[in-house]
């Protein structure tokens, strides 16, 4: 199946980055969100990404304007007409994702594919709320999506070979490296990442260390391109918490979120998006 037009549902940082990545390859894309203010923020973020490419001489201003023109920012379902693949990129809560999948199933053409950018939740469960389980899959991007090359492609219990092949090809077309993984809680990368993050959080509490000190040690040793606390702030502490809770339920205590993480969330400190998490911004 050839993907002629894409929709990204959810205009947060991840959704905006995915939208930008698709548009840079000259593929028409609709960025949909029910919040017009969120759409405006996403539009500004995407424009800044294009401006950055122009400023670093990686793209001309004319090319940037042309690629920006491939994006439709919309809160209207009618603008999803003609979409052949939709990427759900809303908050990491199953009930919210279920509602989006039901809406997309009602709105899109019968042959359209629906994929989730979930980092841990069941693709098979999401597929079951639609009338097209064979045309549902996972397409998990990593933060920041416009820079990170890896994309996990996850087949649900009923995903067809055609669906998975189409998702893999789209990932390659937007210059990502797709890796097909089996469905399980957290898939591969986040199962490893969240286990290590839980351990680092416990270590921080036990030793009374500063987040910056641990992050600096990890990055200077080139263990990872960014420290776990900076990464958690960038992802959103609420998102990290939801993923950790899900993995704890599915896989056990080693994923249980720390008390510090719970406290920060209770105080409304969710990371970069609120101006404070493990760091202040």
C-alpha atoms as a PDB file:
ATOM      1  CA  UNK A   1       0.000   0.000   0.000  1.00  0.00           C
ATOM      2  CA  UNK A   2       1.284   3.467  -0.922  1.00  0.00           C
ATOM      3  CA  UNK A   3       0.863   6.185   1.709  1.00  0.00           C
ATOM      4  CA  UNK A   4      -0.316   9.359  -0.027  1.00  0.00           C
ATOM      5  CA  UNK A   5      -1.404  11.390   2.975  1.00  0.00           C
ATOM      6  CA  UNK A   6      -0.726  11.053   6.714  1.00  0.00           C
ATOM      7  CA  UNK A   7      -2.515  12.330   9.785  1.00  0.00           C
ATOM      8  CA  UNK A   8      -0.845  12.863  13.153  1.00  0.00           C
ATOM      9  CA  UNK A   9      -3.347  13.071  16.009  1.00  0.00           C
ATOM     10  CA  UNK A  10      -2.003  14.928  19.034  1.00  0.00           C
ATOM     11  CA  UNK A  11      -0.077  18.196  18.650  1.00  0.00           C
ATOM     12  CA  UNK A  12       2.237  17.901  21.621  1.00  0.00           C
ATOM     13  CA  UNK A  13       6.006  17.968  21.196  1.00  0.00           C
ATOM     14  CA  UNK A  14       6.172  14.390  19.922  1.00  0.00           C
ATOM     15  CA  UNK A  15       3.272  14.812  17.514  1.00  0.00           C
ATOM     16  CA  UNK A  16       4.701  18.078  16.169  1.00  0.00           C
ATOM     17  CA  UNK A  17       8.130  16.497  15.678  1.00  0.00           C
ATOM     18  CA  UNK A  18       6.614  13.535  13.815  1.00  0.00           C
ATOM     19  CA  UNK A  19       4.585  15.899  11.638  1.00  0.00           C
ATOM     20  CA  UNK A  20       7.689  17.960  10.816  1.00  0.00           C
ATOM     21  CA  UNK A  21       9.665  14.822   9.940  1.00  0.00           C
ATOM     22  CA  UNK A  22       6.971  13.642   7.534  1.00  0.00           C
ATOM     23  CA  UNK A  23       6.589  17.059   5.883  1.00  0.00           C
ATOM     24  CA  UNK A  24      10.351  17.344   5.268  1.00  0.00           C
ATOM     25  CA  UNK A  25      10.033  14.341   2.947  1.00  0.00           C
ATOM     26  CA  UNK A  26       7.319  16.041   0.899  1.00  0.00           C
ATOM     27  CA  UNK A  27       4.408  13.950   2.198  1.00  0.00           C
ATOM     28  CA  UNK A  28       1.127  15.790   2.884  1.00  0.00           C
ATOM     29  CA  UNK A  29       0.301  15.598   6.588  1.00  0.00           C
ATOM     30  CA  UNK A  30      -2.575  16.801   8.766  1.00  0.00           C
ATOM     31  CA  UNK A  31      -1.707  17.630  12.361  1.00  0.00           C
ATOM     32  CA  UNK A  32      -4.964  17.337  14.301  1.00  0.00           C
ATOM     33  CA  UNK A  33      -5.725  18.366  17.853  1.00  0.00           C
ATOM     34  CA  UNK A  34      -8.932  19.411  19.612  1.00  0.00           C
ATOM     35  CA  UNK A  35      -7.047  22.296  21.260  1.00  0.00           C
ATOM     36  CA  UNK A  36      -6.449  25.257  18.929  1.00  0.00           C
ATOM     37  CA  UNK A  37      -3.891  26.762  21.324  1.00  0.00           C
ATOM     38  CA  UNK A  38      -1.910  23.515  21.238  1.00  0.00           C
ATOM     39  CA  UNK A  39      -2.026  23.556  17.442  1.00  0.00           C
ATOM     40  CA  UNK A  40      -0.673  27.118  17.449  1.00  0.00           C
ATOM     41  CA  UNK A  41       2.208  26.072  19.712  1.00  0.00           C
ATOM     42  CA  UNK A  42       2.937  23.104  17.459  1.00  0.00           C
ATOM     43  CA  UNK A  43       2.944  25.340  14.384  1.00  0.00           C
ATOM     44  CA  UNK A  44       5.426  27.681  16.037  1.00  0.00           C
ATOM     45  CA  UNK A  45       7.635  24.742  17.078  1.00  0.00           C
ATOM     46  CA  UNK A  46       7.650  23.297  13.571  1.00  0.00           C
ATOM     47  CA  UNK A  47       8.406  26.700  12.035  1.00  0.00           C
ATOM     48  CA  UNK A  48      11.354  27.030  14.418  1.00  0.00           C
ATOM     49  CA  UNK A  49      12.659  23.637  13.301  1.00  0.00           C
ATOM     50  CA  UNK A  50      12.509  24.719   9.662  1.00  0.00           C
ATOM     51  CA  UNK A  51      14.111  28.064  10.517  1.00  0.00           C
ATOM     52  CA  UNK A  52      16.911  26.173  12.232  1.00  0.00           C
ATOM     53  CA  UNK A  53      17.591  24.170   9.092  1.00  0.00           C
ATOM     54  CA  UNK A  54      17.645  27.340   7.031  1.00  0.00           C
ATOM     55  CA  UNK A  55      19.952  29.027   9.539  1.00  0.00           C
ATOM     56  CA  UNK A  56      22.410  26.133   9.373  1.00  0.00           C
ATOM     57  CA  UNK A  57      22.325  26.126   5.544  1.00  0.00           C
ATOM     58  CA  UNK A  58      20.738  22.673   5.401  1.00  0.00           C
ATOM     59  CA  UNK A  59      17.712  24.011   3.527  1.00  0.00           C
ATOM     60  CA  UNK A  60      16.845  27.149   1.594  1.00  0.00           C
ATOM     61  CA  UNK A  61      14.111  29.466   2.824  1.00  0.00           C
ATOM     62  CA  UNK A  62      12.114  28.612  -0.301  1.00  0.00           C
ATOM     63  CA  UNK A  63      12.386  24.874   0.349  1.00  0.00           C
ATOM     64  CA  UNK A  64      11.425  25.363   3.982  1.00  0.00           C
ATOM     65  CA  UNK A  65       8.314  27.312   2.993  1.00  0.00           C
ATOM     66  CA  UNK A  66       7.469  24.636   0.445  1.00  0.00           C
ATOM     67  CA  UNK A  67       7.733  21.838   3.035  1.00  0.00           C
ATOM     68  CA  UNK A  68       5.759  23.849   5.586  1.00  0.00           C
ATOM     69  CA  UNK A  69       3.050  24.026   2.956  1.00  0.00           C
ATOM     70  CA  UNK A  70       2.629  20.243   3.111  1.00  0.00           C
ATOM     71  CA  UNK A  71       1.204  20.581   6.647  1.00  0.00           C
ATOM     72  CA  UNK A  72      -2.430  21.258   7.517  1.00  0.00           C
ATOM     73  CA  UNK A  73      -3.036  22.289  11.133  1.00  0.00           C
ATOM     74  CA  UNK A  74      -6.600  21.394  12.013  1.00  0.00           C
ATOM     75  CA  UNK A  75      -9.121  20.603  14.732  1.00  0.00           C
ATOM     76  CA  UNK A  76     -11.664  19.454  12.133  1.00  0.00           C
ATOM     77  CA  UNK A  77     -12.356  15.798  11.381  1.00  0.00           C
ATOM     78  CA  UNK A  78     -13.262  16.744   7.821  1.00  0.00           C
ATOM     79  CA  UNK A  79      -9.602  17.509   7.098  1.00  0.00           C
ATOM     80  CA  UNK A  80      -8.754  13.820   7.549  1.00  0.00           C
ATOM     81  CA  UNK A  81     -10.395  13.052   4.202  1.00  0.00           C
ATOM     82  CA  UNK A  82      -7.991  11.155   1.979  1.00  0.00           C
ATOM     83  CA  UNK A  83      -5.655  10.124   4.816  1.00  0.00           C
ATOM     84  CA  UNK A  84      -4.218   6.665   4.156  1.00  0.00           C
ATOM     85  CA  UNK A  85      -2.316   6.319   7.459  1.00  0.00           C
ATOM     86  CA  UNK A  86      -2.946   7.987  10.817  1.00  0.00           C
ATOM     87  CA  UNK A  87      -0.458   8.163  13.680  1.00  0.00           C
ATOM     88  CA  UNK A  88      -1.938   8.556  17.156  1.00  0.00           C
ATOM     89  CA  UNK A  89       0.385  10.574  19.410  1.00  0.00           C
ATOM     90  CA  UNK A  90      -1.775  11.555  22.391  1.00  0.00           C
ATOM     91  CA  UNK A  91      -1.120  11.100  26.107  1.00  0.00           C
ATOM     92  CA  UNK A  92       0.024   7.677  27.342  1.00  0.00           C
ATOM     93  CA  UNK A  93      -3.344   6.682  28.821  1.00  0.00           C
ATOM     94  CA  UNK A  94      -5.252   3.754  27.374  1.00  0.00           C
ATOM     95  CA  UNK A  95      -8.716   5.326  27.730  1.00  0.00           C
ATOM     96  CA  UNK A  96      -7.609   8.421  25.789  1.00  0.00           C
ATOM     97  CA  UNK A  97      -5.984   6.351  23.059  1.00  0.00           C
ATOM     98  CA  UNK A  98      -9.066   4.128  22.815  1.00  0.00           C
ATOM     99  CA  UNK A  99     -11.242   7.190  22.198  1.00  0.00           C
ATOM    100  CA  UNK A 100      -8.890   8.405  19.446  1.00  0.00           C
ATOM    101  CA  UNK A 101      -8.814   4.990  17.793  1.00  0.00           C
ATOM    102  CA  UNK A 102     -12.611   4.750  17.815  1.00  0.00           C
ATOM    103  CA  UNK A 103     -12.885   8.217  16.274  1.00  0.00           C
ATOM    104  CA  UNK A 104     -10.305   7.438  13.586  1.00  0.00           C
ATOM    105  CA  UNK A 105     -11.997   4.123  12.824  1.00  0.00           C
ATOM    106  CA  UNK A 106     -15.287   5.951  12.224  1.00  0.00           C
ATOM    107  CA  UNK A 107     -13.684   8.730  10.188  1.00  0.00           C
ATOM    108  CA  UNK A 108     -11.051   7.166   7.935  1.00  0.00           C
ATOM    109  CA  UNK A 109     -11.623   5.118   4.809  1.00  0.00           C
ATOM    110  CA  UNK A 110     -11.915   1.342   5.428  1.00  0.00           C
ATOM    111  CA  UNK A 111      -8.464   0.603   3.983  1.00  0.00           C
ATOM    112  CA  UNK A 112      -6.650   3.298   5.962  1.00  0.00           C
ATOM    113  CA  UNK A 113      -4.089   2.172   8.534  1.00  0.00           C
ATOM    114  CA  UNK A 114      -4.120   3.395  12.144  1.00  0.00           C
ATOM    115  CA  UNK A 115      -0.893   3.252  14.156  1.00  0.00           C
ATOM    116  CA  UNK A 116      -0.031   4.248  17.697  1.00  0.00           C
ATOM    117  CA  UNK A 117       3.093   5.988  18.894  1.00  0.00           C
ATOM    118  CA  UNK A 118       2.579   4.381  22.313  1.00  0.00           C
ATOM    119  CA  UNK A 119       5.776   3.582  24.156  1.00  0.00           C
ATOM    120  CA  UNK A 120       4.395   0.691  26.194  1.00  0.00           C
ATOM    121  CA  UNK A 121       0.676  -0.060  25.747  1.00  0.00           C
ATOM    122  CA  UNK A 122      -0.875  -3.029  23.937  1.00  0.00           C
ATOM    123  CA  UNK A 123      -1.370  -2.637  20.195  1.00  0.00           C
ATOM    124  CA  UNK A 124      -3.733  -5.635  20.202  1.00  0.00           C
ATOM    125  CA  UNK A 125      -5.912  -3.948  22.819  1.00  0.00           C
ATOM    126  CA  UNK A 126      -6.126  -0.756  20.772  1.00  0.00           C
ATOM    127  CA  UNK A 127      -6.863  -2.730  17.611  1.00  0.00           C
ATOM    128  CA  UNK A 128      -9.758  -4.469  19.345  1.00  0.00           C
ATOM    129  CA  UNK A 129     -11.722  -1.193  19.726  1.00  0.00           C
ATOM    130  CA  UNK A 130     -11.738  -0.766  15.922  1.00  0.00           C
ATOM    131  CA  UNK A 131     -13.419  -2.631  13.119  1.00  0.00           C
ATOM    132  CA  UNK A 132     -10.075  -3.024  11.310  1.00  0.00           C
ATOM    133  CA  UNK A 133      -7.695  -4.882  13.677  1.00  0.00           C
ATOM    134  CA  UNK A 134      -5.695  -6.141  10.687  1.00  0.00           C
ATOM    135  CA  UNK A 135      -4.909  -2.519   9.772  1.00  0.00           C
ATOM    136  CA  UNK A 136      -3.615  -1.435  13.189  1.00  0.00           C
ATOM    137  CA  UNK A 137       0.033  -1.429  14.306  1.00  0.00           C
ATOM    138  CA  UNK A 138       2.516   0.388  16.515  1.00  0.00           C
ATOM    139  CA  UNK A 139       4.970   2.971  15.188  1.00  0.00           C
ATOM    140  CA  UNK A 140       7.013   4.094  18.174  1.00  0.00           C
ATOM    141  CA  UNK A 141       9.224   7.138  17.599  1.00  0.00           C
ATOM    142  CA  UNK A 142      11.837   8.276  20.114  1.00  0.00           C
ATOM    143  CA  UNK A 143      12.455  11.728  21.568  1.00  0.00           C
ATOM    144  CA  UNK A 144      13.317  13.984  19.839  1.00  0.00           C
ATOM    145  CA  UNK A 145      11.497  12.403  16.909  1.00  0.00           C
ATOM    146  CA  UNK A 146      12.968  14.754  14.303  1.00  0.00           C
ATOM    147  CA  UNK A 147      16.496  13.630  15.244  1.00  0.00           C
ATOM    148  CA  UNK A 148      16.329  10.067  16.539  1.00  0.00           C
ATOM    149  CA  UNK A 149      16.609   7.522  13.735  1.00  0.00           C
ATOM    150  CA  UNK A 150      15.143   4.416  15.347  1.00  0.00           C
ATOM    151  CA  UNK A 151      11.447   3.556  15.030  1.00  0.00           C
ATOM    152  CA  UNK A 152       9.970   0.449  16.631  1.00  0.00           C
ATOM    153  CA  UNK A 153       7.294  -1.157  14.426  1.00  0.00           C
ATOM    154  CA  UNK A 154       4.976  -3.383  16.451  1.00  0.00           C
ATOM    155  CA  UNK A 155       2.501  -5.904  15.092  1.00  0.00           C
ATOM    156  CA  UNK A 156      -0.625  -6.639  17.108  1.00  0.00           C
ATOM    157  CA  UNK A 157      -2.197 -10.090  17.206  1.00  0.00           C
ATOM    158  CA  UNK A 158      -4.145  -9.412  14.010  1.00  0.00           C
ATOM    159  CA  UNK A 159      -1.918  -6.945  12.127  1.00  0.00           C
ATOM    160  CA  UNK A 160      -1.613  -8.026   8.493  1.00  0.00           C
ATOM    161  CA  UNK A 161       1.700  -8.437   6.717  1.00  0.00           C
ATOM    162  CA  UNK A 162       0.629  -5.661   4.339  1.00  0.00           C
ATOM    163  CA  UNK A 163       0.063  -3.290   7.252  1.00  0.00           C
ATOM    164  CA  UNK A 164       3.477  -3.954   8.778  1.00  0.00           C
ATOM    165  CA  UNK A 165       5.195  -3.681   5.394  1.00  0.00           C
ATOM    166  CA  UNK A 166       3.475  -0.337   4.759  1.00  0.00           C
ATOM    167  CA  UNK A 167       4.540   1.056   8.142  1.00  0.00           C
ATOM    168  CA  UNK A 168       8.123  -0.153   7.638  1.00  0.00           C
ATOM    169  CA  UNK A 169       8.260   1.486   4.205  1.00  0.00           C
ATOM    170  CA  UNK A 170       6.884   4.772   5.513  1.00  0.00           C
ATOM    171  CA  UNK A 171       9.535   4.804   8.225  1.00  0.00           C
ATOM    172  CA  UNK A 172      12.232   4.284   5.608  1.00  0.00           C
ATOM    173  CA  UNK A 173      10.706   6.967   3.370  1.00  0.00           C
ATOM    174  CA  UNK A 174      11.031   9.539   6.158  1.00  0.00           C
ATOM    175  CA  UNK A 175      14.638   8.399   6.679  1.00  0.00           C
ATOM    176  CA  UNK A 176      14.159   6.431   9.860  1.00  0.00           C
ATOM    177  CA  UNK A 177      15.506   2.991  10.722  1.00  0.00           C
ATOM    178  CA  UNK A 178      12.513   0.723  11.398  1.00  0.00           C
ATOM    179  CA  UNK A 179      12.961  -2.313  13.623  1.00  0.00           C
ATOM    180  CA  UNK A 180      10.137  -4.836  13.883  1.00  0.00           C
ATOM    181  CA  UNK A 181       9.618  -5.991  17.454  1.00  0.00           C
ATOM    182  CA  UNK A 182       7.220  -8.375  19.121  1.00  0.00           C
ATOM    183  CA  UNK A 183       4.365  -6.982  21.154  1.00  0.00           C
ATOM    184  CA  UNK A 184       5.050  -7.032  24.885  1.00  0.00           C
ATOM    185  CA  UNK A 185       4.790  -4.411  27.655  1.00  0.00           C
ATOM    186  CA  UNK A 186       7.298  -1.660  26.874  1.00  0.00           C
ATOM    187  CA  UNK A 187       8.398  -3.412  23.671  1.00  0.00           C
ATOM    188  CA  UNK A 188      12.225  -3.442  23.634  1.00  0.00           C
ATOM    189  CA  UNK A 189      13.699   0.011  24.177  1.00  0.00           C
ATOM    190  CA  UNK A 190      11.317   1.265  26.862  1.00  0.00           C
ATOM    191  CA  UNK A 191      11.380  -2.015  28.730  1.00  0.00           C
ATOM    192  CA  UNK A 192      15.131  -1.566  29.103  1.00  0.00           C
ATOM    193  CA  UNK A 193      14.970   2.219  29.556  1.00  0.00           C
ATOM    194  CA  UNK A 194      12.272   2.226  32.241  1.00  0.00           C
ATOM    195  CA  UNK A 195      13.959  -0.525  34.247  1.00  0.00           C
ATOM    196  CA  UNK A 196      17.235   1.408  34.218  1.00  0.00           C
ATOM    197  CA  UNK A 197      15.479   4.702  34.998  1.00  0.00           C
ATOM    198  CA  UNK A 198      13.713   3.148  38.001  1.00  0.00           C
ATOM    199  CA  UNK A 199      17.059   1.899  39.287  1.00  0.00           C
ATOM    200  CA  UNK A 200      18.752   5.280  38.765  1.00  0.00           C
ATOM    201  CA  UNK A 201      15.937   7.004  40.668  1.00  0.00           C
ATOM    202  CA  UNK A 202      16.328   4.576  43.555  1.00  0.00           C
ATOM    203  CA  UNK A 203      20.099   5.149  43.502  1.00  0.00           C
ATOM    204  CA  UNK A 204      19.598   8.934  43.599  1.00  0.00           C
ATOM    205  CA  UNK A 205      17.335   8.649  46.644  1.00  0.00           C
ATOM    206  CA  UNK A 206      19.604   6.196  48.470  1.00  0.00           C
ATOM    207  CA  UNK A 207      22.757   8.274  47.975  1.00  0.00           C
ATOM    208  CA  UNK A 208      21.212  11.744  48.173  1.00  0.00           C
ATOM    209  CA  UNK A 209      22.795  12.782  44.874  1.00  0.00           C
ATOM    210  CA  UNK A 210      21.724  15.611  42.576  1.00  0.00           C
ATOM    211  CA  UNK A 211      20.073  14.792  39.260  1.00  0.00           C
ATOM    212  CA  UNK A 212      22.619  16.940  37.405  1.00  0.00           C
ATOM    213  CA  UNK A 213      25.513  15.046  38.954  1.00  0.00           C
ATOM    214  CA  UNK A 214      24.184  11.687  37.774  1.00  0.00           C
ATOM    215  CA  UNK A 215      23.264  13.006  34.322  1.00  0.00           C
ATOM    216  CA  UNK A 216      26.715  14.532  33.880  1.00  0.00           C
ATOM    217  CA  UNK A 217      28.434  11.294  34.849  1.00  0.00           C
ATOM    218  CA  UNK A 218      26.344   9.283  32.394  1.00  0.00           C
ATOM    219  CA  UNK A 219      26.810  11.664  29.467  1.00  0.00           C
ATOM    220  CA  UNK A 220      30.548  12.172  30.059  1.00  0.00           C
ATOM    221  CA  UNK A 221      31.008   8.398  30.127  1.00  0.00           C
ATOM    222  CA  UNK A 222      29.047   8.284  26.828  1.00  0.00           C
ATOM    223  CA  UNK A 223      26.647   5.725  28.266  1.00  0.00           C
ATOM    224  CA  UNK A 224      23.794   7.705  26.679  1.00  0.00           C
ATOM    225  CA  UNK A 225      23.450  10.940  24.663  1.00  0.00           C
ATOM    226  CA  UNK A 226      21.502  12.545  27.531  1.00  0.00           C
ATOM    227  CA  UNK A 227      21.055  11.798  31.205  1.00  0.00           C
ATOM    228  CA  UNK A 228      17.938   9.990  32.470  1.00  0.00           C
ATOM    229  CA  UNK A 229      16.650  12.959  34.480  1.00  0.00           C
ATOM    230  CA  UNK A 230      16.940  15.401  31.583  1.00  0.00           C
ATOM    231  CA  UNK A 231      15.285  12.808  29.340  1.00  0.00           C
ATOM    232  CA  UNK A 232      12.440  12.297  31.816  1.00  0.00           C
ATOM    233  CA  UNK A 233      11.861  16.072  31.981  1.00  0.00           C
ATOM    234  CA  UNK A 234      11.808  16.241  28.178  1.00  0.00           C
ATOM    235  CA  UNK A 235       9.367  13.346  27.838  1.00  0.00           C
ATOM    236  CA  UNK A 236       7.140  14.640  30.630  1.00  0.00           C
ATOM    237  CA  UNK A 237       7.211  13.209  34.138  1.00  0.00           C
ATOM    238  CA  UNK A 238       3.514  12.331  33.876  1.00  0.00           C
ATOM    239  CA  UNK A 239       4.228  10.257  30.766  1.00  0.00           C
ATOM    240  CA  UNK A 240       7.168   8.526  32.432  1.00  0.00           C
ATOM    241  CA  UNK A 241       4.980   7.795  35.448  1.00  0.00           C
ATOM    242  CA  UNK A 242       2.147   6.312  33.365  1.00  0.00           C
ATOM    243  CA  UNK A 243       4.580   4.048  31.513  1.00  0.00           C
ATOM    244  CA  UNK A 244       6.249   2.974  34.762  1.00  0.00           C
ATOM    245  CA  UNK A 245       2.879   2.203  36.348  1.00  0.00           C
ATOM    246  CA  UNK A 246       1.832   0.090  33.362  1.00  0.00           C
ATOM    247  CA  UNK A 247       5.102  -1.856  33.350  1.00  0.00           C
ATOM    248  CA  UNK A 248       4.881  -2.395  37.106  1.00  0.00           C
ATOM    249  CA  UNK A 249       1.429  -3.918  36.672  1.00  0.00           C
ATOM    250  CA  UNK A 250       2.571  -6.111  33.800  1.00  0.00           C
ATOM    251  CA  UNK A 251       6.151  -7.025  34.736  1.00  0.00           C
ATOM    252  CA  UNK A 252       6.698  -6.436  38.425  1.00  0.00           C
ATOM    253  CA  UNK A 253       8.179  -4.264  41.146  1.00  0.00           C
ATOM    254  CA  UNK A 254      11.460  -3.459  39.423  1.00  0.00           C
ATOM    255  CA  UNK A 255       9.574  -0.871  37.340  1.00  0.00           C
ATOM    256  CA  UNK A 256       7.769   0.813  40.251  1.00  0.00           C
ATOM    257  CA  UNK A 257       8.125   4.642  40.050  1.00  0.00           C
ATOM    258  CA  UNK A 258       9.999   6.340  42.869  1.00  0.00           C
ATOM    259  CA  UNK A 259       8.446   8.486  45.576  1.00  0.00           C
ATOM    260  CA  UNK A 260      10.300  11.541  44.257  1.00  0.00           C
ATOM    261  CA  UNK A 261       8.658  11.132  40.858  1.00  0.00           C
ATOM    262  CA  UNK A 262       5.219  10.860  42.495  1.00  0.00           C
ATOM    263  CA  UNK A 263       5.889  13.957  44.606  1.00  0.00           C
ATOM    264  CA  UNK A 264       6.971  16.082  41.649  1.00  0.00           C
ATOM    265  CA  UNK A 265       3.848  15.120  39.719  1.00  0.00           C
ATOM    266  CA  UNK A 266       1.587  15.804  42.708  1.00  0.00           C
ATOM    267  CA  UNK A 267       3.115  19.291  42.929  1.00  0.00           C
ATOM    268  CA  UNK A 268       2.421  19.889  39.230  1.00  0.00           C
ATOM    269  CA  UNK A 269       6.059  19.739  38.168  1.00  0.00           C
ATOM    270  CA  UNK A 270       5.955  17.697  34.946  1.00  0.00           C
ATOM    271  CA  UNK A 271       9.250  18.686  33.335  1.00  0.00           C
ATOM    272  CA  UNK A 272       9.946  21.077  30.490  1.00  0.00           C
ATOM    273  CA  UNK A 273       6.297  21.605  29.626  1.00  0.00           C
ATOM    274  CA  UNK A 274       5.558  23.121  33.057  1.00  0.00           C
ATOM    275  CA  UNK A 275       8.937  24.786  33.564  1.00  0.00           C
ATOM    276  CA  UNK A 276      10.083  22.505  36.339  1.00  0.00           C
ATOM    277  CA  UNK A 277      10.753  18.807  36.900  1.00  0.00           C
ATOM    278  CA  UNK A 278      14.038  17.397  38.078  1.00  0.00           C
ATOM    279  CA  UNK A 279      15.438  20.677  36.682  1.00  0.00           C
ATOM    280  CA  UNK A 280      14.081  24.216  36.426  1.00  0.00           C
ATOM    281  CA  UNK A 281      13.609  25.752  32.961  1.00  0.00           C
END
